[in-house]
């Protein structure tokens, strides 16, 4: 069964969203020294129903798992082989970072 290019672009969007989320955290935590204040400021950027660090991390893990699966399957084909491999590795590294952060809480 051939995967739609739309699924590939959705996976790219997911990785971009996770990277933007990480850059937001880095930007906030570099300006605010107190961790609790930084966490509250970071969560204030999200809608009220998503203002929970664990929920955001679980959503990120699910998005990265989906993206990694799509990218690594793409890397097995001749089309976009290098791109799929690089994005699959990036997804895997980000996934490991997110799993590490959820186990530290």
Protein backbone atom coordinates (compact mmCIF):
# COMPACT_ATOMS: atom_id res chain seq x y z
CA UNK A 1 0.00 0.00 0.00
CA UNK A 2 1.45 3.32 -1.08
CA UNK A 3 1.57 6.07 1.54
CA UNK A 4 0.14 9.41 0.57
CA UNK A 5 2.51 12.39 0.39
CA UNK A 6 0.02 14.18 2.66
CA UNK A 7 0.96 11.81 5.50
CA UNK A 8 4.64 12.66 4.94
CA UNK A 9 3.87 16.39 5.17
CA UNK A 10 1.78 15.87 8.30
CA UNK A 11 4.77 14.12 9.87
CA UNK A 12 6.99 17.07 8.89
CA UNK A 13 4.46 19.45 10.46
CA UNK A 14 4.49 17.38 13.68
CA UNK A 15 8.29 17.55 13.92
CA UNK A 16 8.20 21.29 13.20
CA UNK A 17 5.62 21.76 15.95
CA UNK A 18 7.77 19.84 18.44
CA UNK A 19 10.86 21.87 17.50
CA UNK A 20 8.90 25.12 17.92
CA UNK A 21 7.71 23.87 21.31
CA UNK A 22 11.31 23.14 22.38
CA UNK A 23 12.53 26.53 21.17
CA UNK A 24 9.70 28.18 23.11
CA UNK A 25 10.80 26.38 26.28
CA UNK A 26 14.47 27.30 25.69
CA UNK A 27 13.57 30.96 25.08
CA UNK A 28 11.45 31.18 28.23
CA UNK A 29 13.81 29.26 30.49
CA UNK A 30 16.80 31.33 29.38
CA UNK A 31 15.06 34.54 30.49
CA UNK A 32 13.48 33.29 33.73
CA UNK A 33 15.72 31.76 36.38
CA UNK A 34 13.02 30.24 38.59
CA UNK A 35 11.92 26.90 37.12
CA UNK A 36 8.36 27.05 38.45
CA UNK A 37 7.78 30.55 37.05
CA UNK A 38 9.28 29.47 33.73
CA UNK A 39 6.97 26.44 33.62
CA UNK A 40 3.91 28.59 34.34
CA UNK A 41 4.93 31.11 31.67
CA UNK A 42 5.55 28.29 29.17
CA UNK A 43 2.17 26.67 29.83
CA UNK A 44 0.40 30.03 29.51
CA UNK A 45 1.12 29.95 25.76
CA UNK A 46 -1.21 26.96 25.36
CA UNK A 47 -5.02 26.79 25.58
CA UNK A 48 -6.41 26.12 29.04
CA UNK A 49 -7.25 22.47 28.36
CA UNK A 50 -3.60 21.82 27.38
CA UNK A 51 -1.95 23.62 30.29
CA UNK A 52 -0.51 20.45 31.76
CA UNK A 53 3.13 19.51 31.22
CA UNK A 54 2.49 15.77 31.21
CA UNK A 55 -0.33 16.03 28.68
CA UNK A 56 1.84 18.13 26.37
CA UNK A 57 4.69 15.65 26.70
CA UNK A 58 2.44 12.65 25.96
CA UNK A 59 1.01 14.43 22.91
CA UNK A 60 4.56 15.19 21.76
CA UNK A 61 5.58 11.55 22.23
CA UNK A 62 2.61 10.37 20.16
CA UNK A 63 3.34 12.89 17.40
CA UNK A 64 7.02 11.93 17.29
CA UNK A 65 6.23 8.21 17.26
CA UNK A 66 3.93 8.71 14.28
CA UNK A 67 6.48 10.91 12.51
CA UNK A 68 9.36 8.54 13.13
CA UNK A 69 7.33 5.61 11.79
CA UNK A 70 6.43 7.51 8.62
CA UNK A 71 9.97 8.79 8.04
CA UNK A 72 11.67 5.46 8.64
CA UNK A 73 9.21 3.71 6.30
CA UNK A 74 9.92 6.39 3.69
CA UNK A 75 13.66 5.82 4.06
CA UNK A 76 13.17 2.18 3.01
CA UNK A 77 11.92 3.30 -0.41
CA UNK A 78 13.98 4.95 -3.13
CA UNK A 79 12.00 8.19 -3.01
CA UNK A 80 13.22 10.69 -0.42
CA UNK A 81 15.49 8.04 1.08
CA UNK A 82 18.04 10.41 2.65
CA UNK A 83 15.40 12.91 3.74
CA UNK A 84 13.33 10.19 5.37
CA UNK A 85 16.36 8.77 7.16
CA UNK A 86 17.52 12.15 8.50
CA UNK A 87 14.03 13.15 9.63
CA UNK A 88 13.50 9.69 11.13
CA UNK A 89 16.68 10.04 13.17
CA UNK A 90 15.68 13.56 14.24
CA UNK A 91 12.28 12.25 15.34
CA UNK A 92 13.94 9.45 17.28
CA UNK A 93 16.30 11.84 19.07
CA UNK A 94 13.45 14.19 19.97
CA UNK A 95 11.40 11.20 21.12
CA UNK A 96 14.20 10.09 23.44
CA UNK A 97 14.42 13.64 24.84
CA UNK A 98 10.66 13.74 25.49
CA UNK A 99 10.67 10.31 27.15
CA UNK A 100 13.58 11.43 29.32
CA UNK A 101 11.72 14.57 30.39
CA UNK A 102 8.55 12.68 31.30
CA UNK A 103 10.50 10.20 33.45
CA UNK A 104 12.21 13.02 35.38
CA UNK A 105 8.96 14.43 36.79
